[in-house]
Every structure is written in C-alpha cells, then in structure tokens.
Amino acid sequence: MLFRRPNRPPARTAGPAALVALAVLGLAACESGGEEDRSAATKRPSVIVPGEPGGQNRTLSAEEAAGQRAEDDSPNAADVSYTRMMIVHHAQALEMTELVPDRAESGRIVKLAERIAAAQGPEIEAMRGWLKTHGKSETDEGHGKGHGDGHDHATMPGMVAPAQMKQLRAAEGKAFDQLFLTLMITHHQGAITMATDVKAQGNNIRIEEMADDVVAQQTSEITRMRALL
C-alpha cells in the first residue's frame, strides 16, 4: 500500500515591500552612525593660544592648532636665548674636557671626555649656524660677550664657577677624576634643565630637536659618570 506525502506549501520569500523596509532601516542606521561620528569629531578638545602682550587669547580646534604649528615654527625669544646660552654652556664643557688628558688617572675618564667633546663641539657649530640662518648674532646686541640676552652666564644652570675651574686645573690623578665627574654631572644637569625649558617655551622645531638630543645624550652620560664615582 502506497502512502502519499502531504503537499507542503512553498517557502515564502520576502516581498518587495519588505525589502524596501529593510533598506530604509539600514540607511537610517548608517545615517545615525555618521551623525554620531560627526558629533564626536566636534567634541575634540580645543586649544587656547596666548595672544600678544595686552591682546586676547584665541581658541583653536586641535586640528587648527596642529596645522598652525606645522605652518609656522618661527623662532621666538626663548629659542634664541637658549641657543646663545647653550653655546657658552657647551664651550665650558669643552674647556673642562681639554684638561683631562694631562690630569686624569682613569682611562675611562679620558674616553668619557673624548665622547663629550666629540658631541658638543659639532653641536656648538650647529647652533651657530642656526643663529646665522635666522639673522641672529651670537650675543645679544647691547650686552657684552658672556651676557647674551641680558643673562649672566655664570648664573646659568650647572655652570662651573671660576674658583671651581681653578681648583680643577690644579688637581691631578684621582682627585682630578672625582672633581671632574662631580662638576660635569652638575654641568650636564644644568643643560638638561635648559633644554627642558626651551621645549616648553620655544616654538622652533629645529631647536626642539636639538634640545631633545641634549636631554637624551646628557642623561645617558650622567648615568655613566655616576657609575665612575
């Protein structure tokens, strides 16, 4: 005896009206997401830009501030002052390293002094070149040598006092090594302070890059010198 399967109704597919409804819902979701993205973009933090002395501050969007920095990195007073002072600061470091070959006992001190001189000599020339490129003299007009921008270089961070330099010149052997390391660590710390300050106050990208190099290199050298004490 044969049994016949009951006929099943054919599967129903979504009609045109249903497809249109789904498309409308999808489009609405996309538009909603776009509005949220645009809303999030408008909520990015703004940047306050100080105005000229006596003038009003300006409020820029993050994008405007980034674009302005990219377009205008004109040197400001902090950039120029830092460069002038750091030339003198580096020059004193070279003066100290010149004493090492005839007075130091440790060969490691000799090699350290060679590295310092090899780095800071070219940096002085780079800073002099930067000043010339931007039409600035090595010393501020109206002030004598050693008083660029009205600063007394003896008061710059880390500078070795004349009496200390006299003591260093008179020392030899282990006494020289210890005094050299002590004074040079302080000297390097002063350079790092100056570099950190110009990174916060300056505007020129090249000076910022040079300041970054000073911080990185001299921090590393301080670590080496402390290990030799």
Protein backbone atom coordinates (compact mmCIF):
# COMPACT_ATOMS: atom_id res chain seq x y z
CA MET A 1 0.00 0.00 0.00
CA LEU A 2 1.46 3.38 -1.00
CA PHE A 3 1.27 6.42 1.21
CA ARG A 4 1.42 9.85 -0.35
CA ARG A 5 3.24 12.65 1.47
CA PRO A 6 1.04 15.59 2.21
CA ASN A 7 1.76 18.59 0.00
CA ARG A 8 3.74 21.35 1.85
CA PRO A 9 3.13 24.96 1.00
CA PRO A 10 6.11 26.52 -0.83
CA ALA A 11 8.51 28.66 1.25
CA ARG A 12 7.57 32.30 1.25
CA THR A 13 10.18 34.86 0.24
CA ALA A 14 10.26 38.45 1.32
CA GLY A 15 8.19 40.59 -0.92
CA PRO A 16 9.29 43.88 -2.47
CA ALA A 17 7.67 45.90 0.31
CA ALA A 18 9.63 44.02 3.00
CA LEU A 19 12.91 44.53 1.13
CA VAL A 20 12.27 48.25 0.86
CA ALA A 21 11.56 48.43 4.58
CA LEU A 22 14.84 46.69 5.43
CA ALA A 23 16.79 49.02 3.14
CA VAL A 24 15.24 52.07 4.80
CA LEU A 25 16.16 50.76 8.27
CA GLY A 26 19.76 50.09 7.18
CA LEU A 27 20.11 53.58 5.69
CA ALA A 28 18.77 55.13 8.87
CA ALA A 29 21.30 53.21 10.94
CA CYS A 30 24.17 54.41 8.70
CA GLU A 31 22.98 58.00 8.91
CA SER A 32 22.70 57.72 12.70
CA GLY A 33 26.27 56.39 12.94
CA GLY A 34 27.53 59.19 10.70
CA GLU A 35 25.86 61.80 12.89
CA GLU A 36 27.45 60.25 15.98
CA ASP A 37 30.88 60.28 14.30
CA ARG A 38 30.47 63.92 13.31
CA SER A 39 29.30 64.76 16.81
CA ALA A 40 32.34 63.02 18.33
CA ALA A 41 34.64 64.91 15.98
CA THR A 42 33.19 68.24 17.11
CA LYS A 43 33.80 67.30 20.75
CA ARG A 44 37.62 67.09 20.42
CA PRO A 45 39.36 69.36 22.94
CA SER A 46 40.15 72.91 21.84
CA VAL A 47 43.50 74.65 22.34
CA ILE A 48 44.00 78.07 23.94
CA VAL A 49 46.66 80.11 22.12
CA PRO A 50 48.08 83.07 24.07
CA GLY A 51 47.76 86.38 22.27
CA GLU A 52 50.27 89.19 22.01
CA PRO A 53 51.00 91.18 25.19
CA GLY A 54 47.82 93.05 26.02
CA GLY A 55 45.85 91.09 23.44
CA GLN A 56 43.21 88.41 23.81
CA ASN A 57 43.79 84.68 23.74
CA ARG A 58 42.46 82.65 20.81
CA THR A 59 40.67 79.32 20.91
CA LEU A 60 41.61 76.86 18.17
CA SER A 61 40.44 73.35 17.46
CA ALA A 62 43.01 70.56 17.82
CA GLU A 63 43.25 70.35 14.02
CA GLU A 64 43.75 74.11 13.64
CA ALA A 65 46.44 74.17 16.33
CA ALA A 66 48.32 71.29 14.71
CA GLY A 67 48.11 72.96 11.32
CA GLN A 68 49.31 76.28 12.69
CA ARG A 69 52.34 74.65 14.34
CA ALA A 70 53.18 72.81 11.13
CA GLU A 71 52.98 76.01 9.10
CA ASP A 72 54.68 78.45 11.49
CA ASP A 73 57.66 77.42 13.60
CA SER A 74 59.22 80.87 13.60
CA PRO A 75 61.85 81.22 16.36
CA ASN A 76 60.73 83.11 19.41
CA ALA A 77 62.78 84.81 22.14
CA ALA A 78 63.09 81.55 24.10
CA ASP A 79 64.61 79.73 21.10
CA VAL A 80 67.20 82.45 20.51
CA SER A 81 68.09 82.87 24.19
CA TYR A 82 68.52 79.12 24.65
CA THR A 83 70.81 78.85 21.63
CA ARG A 84 73.04 81.72 22.71
CA MET A 85 73.36 80.44 26.24
CA MET A 86 73.87 76.81 25.28
CA ILE A 87 76.79 77.77 23.04
CA VAL A 88 78.54 79.22 26.09
CA HIS A 89 77.44 76.29 28.25
CA HIS A 90 78.89 73.76 25.79
CA ALA A 91 82.07 75.82 25.43
CA GLN A 92 82.75 75.47 29.14
CA ALA A 93 82.27 71.71 28.92
CA LEU A 94 84.89 71.62 26.18
CA GLU A 95 87.21 73.69 28.34
CA MET A 96 86.86 71.09 31.08
CA THR A 97 87.44 68.13 28.78
CA GLU A 98 90.66 69.72 27.47
CA LEU A 99 92.15 69.33 30.96
CA VAL A 100 91.54 65.58 31.09
CA PRO A 101 94.41 64.08 29.02
CA ASP A 102 97.14 65.65 31.17
CA ARG A 103 95.50 65.29 34.57
CA ALA A 104 93.17 62.28 34.70
CA GLU A 105 94.28 58.93 36.11
CA SER A 106 91.43 56.77 34.82
CA GLY A 107 91.38 55.76 31.18
CA ARG A 108 87.59 55.60 31.40
CA ILE A 109 87.52 59.29 32.31
CA VAL A 110 89.67 60.04 29.27
CA LYS A 111 87.28 58.16 26.97
CA LEU A 112 84.27 59.86 28.56
CA ALA A 113 85.82 63.28 27.97
CA GLU A 114 86.50 62.37 24.35
CA ARG A 115 82.84 61.44 23.83
CA ILE A 116 81.65 64.67 25.41
CA ALA A 117 83.95 66.76 23.23
CA ALA A 118 83.03 64.82 20.08
CA ALA A 119 79.33 65.52 20.68
CA GLN A 120 79.34 69.10 21.96
CA GLY A 121 81.85 70.57 19.51
CA PRO A 122 79.61 69.89 16.47
CA GLU A 123 76.54 70.96 18.45
CA ILE A 124 78.12 74.38 19.02
CA GLU A 125 78.70 74.76 15.28
CA ALA A 126 75.13 73.66 14.55
CA MET A 127 73.74 76.27 16.95
CA ARG A 128 75.95 78.99 15.49
CA GLY A 129 74.72 78.03 12.04
CA TRP A 130 71.11 78.18 13.23
CA LEU A 131 71.60 81.70 14.60
CA LYS A 132 73.19 82.84 11.34
CA THR A 133 70.39 81.30 9.28
CA HIS A 134 67.82 83.23 11.27
CA GLY A 135 69.75 86.50 11.21
CA LYS A 136 70.68 86.46 14.89
CA SER A 137 74.03 87.34 16.40
CA GLU A 138 75.77 85.00 18.82
CA THR A 139 75.41 87.60 21.58
CA ASP A 140 72.54 89.95 22.19
CA GLU A 141 73.13 93.47 20.91
CA GLY A 142 73.62 95.90 23.75
CA HIS A 143 75.25 93.32 26.01
CA GLY A 144 78.87 92.37 26.23
CA LYS A 145 80.24 88.95 25.44
CA GLY A 146 79.15 86.48 28.07
CA HIS A 147 75.91 88.35 28.68
CA GLY A 148 73.71 87.28 25.79
CA ASP A 149 70.07 88.30 26.20
CA GLY A 150 70.93 90.06 29.43
CA HIS A 151 71.72 86.80 31.25
CA ASP A 152 74.83 86.43 33.36
CA HIS A 153 76.25 83.16 32.07
CA ALA A 154 77.79 82.44 35.46
CA THR A 155 74.26 82.02 36.80
CA MET A 156 73.11 79.60 34.09
CA PRO A 157 72.16 76.14 35.43
CA GLY A 158 75.18 73.91 36.01
CA MET A 159 77.87 76.43 35.08
CA VAL A 160 81.16 75.90 36.92
CA ALA A 161 82.30 78.90 38.96
CA PRO A 162 85.73 80.42 38.27
CA ALA A 163 87.02 79.23 41.65
CA GLN A 164 85.94 75.66 40.84
CA MET A 165 87.64 75.79 37.45
CA LYS A 166 90.82 76.98 39.15
CA GLN A 167 90.59 74.04 41.56
CA LEU A 168 90.05 71.61 38.67
CA ARG A 169 93.10 72.91 36.82
CA ALA A 170 95.23 72.41 39.93
CA ALA A 171 94.06 68.84 40.61
CA GLU A 172 95.69 65.65 39.34
CA GLY A 173 95.14 61.88 39.44
CA LYS A 174 92.24 60.52 41.46
CA ALA A 175 91.47 63.93 42.95
CA PHE A 176 91.06 65.34 39.44
CA ASP A 177 88.89 62.41 38.35
CA GLN A 178 86.49 62.83 41.25
CA LEU A 179 86.24 66.60 40.91
CA PHE A 180 85.81 66.39 37.13
CA LEU A 181 82.96 63.90 37.46
CA THR A 182 81.24 65.90 40.20
CA LEU A 183 81.40 69.17 38.27
CA MET A 184 80.47 67.63 34.93
CA ILE A 185 77.42 65.84 36.35
CA THR A 186 76.14 69.17 37.68
CA HIS A 187 77.01 70.80 34.35
CA HIS A 188 75.01 68.18 32.42
CA GLN A 189 72.05 68.51 34.78
CA GLY A 190 72.02 72.25 34.07
CA ALA A 191 72.00 71.62 30.32
CA ILE A 192 69.06 69.25 30.70
CA THR A 193 67.16 71.89 32.67
CA MET A 194 67.77 74.48 29.95
CA ALA A 195 66.75 72.05 27.20
CA THR A 196 63.58 71.08 29.04
CA ASP A 197 62.67 74.75 29.49
CA VAL A 198 63.05 75.62 25.80
CA LYS A 199 60.96 72.60 24.81
CA ALA A 200 58.12 74.12 26.83
CA GLN A 201 58.66 77.76 25.87
CA GLY A 202 60.18 77.73 22.38
CA ASN A 203 58.47 77.46 19.01
CA ASN A 204 61.11 76.37 16.50
CA ILE A 205 61.10 72.69 15.55
CA ARG A 206 64.87 72.52 14.91
CA ILE A 207 65.66 73.91 18.37
CA GLU A 208 63.22 71.41 19.88
CA GLU A 209 65.05 68.60 18.09
CA MET A 210 68.42 69.82 19.34
CA ALA A 211 67.05 70.10 22.87
CA ASP A 212 65.78 66.52 22.63
CA ASP A 213 69.29 65.40 21.67
CA VAL A 214 70.78 67.22 24.65
CA VAL A 215 68.34 65.61 27.07
CA ALA A 216 68.85 62.09 25.71
CA GLN A 217 72.62 62.22 25.36
CA GLN A 218 73.47 64.01 28.57
CA THR A 219 71.08 61.90 30.65
CA SER A 220 72.94 58.84 29.40
CA GLU A 221 76.31 60.41 30.19
CA ILE A 222 75.21 61.30 33.71
CA THR A 223 74.44 57.63 34.31
CA ARG A 224 77.96 56.68 33.14
CA MET A 225 79.62 59.33 35.28
CA ARG A 226 77.75 58.34 38.41
CA ALA A 227 78.94 54.78 37.90
CA LEU A 228 82.54 56.04 37.89
CA LEU A 229 82.31 57.98 41.16
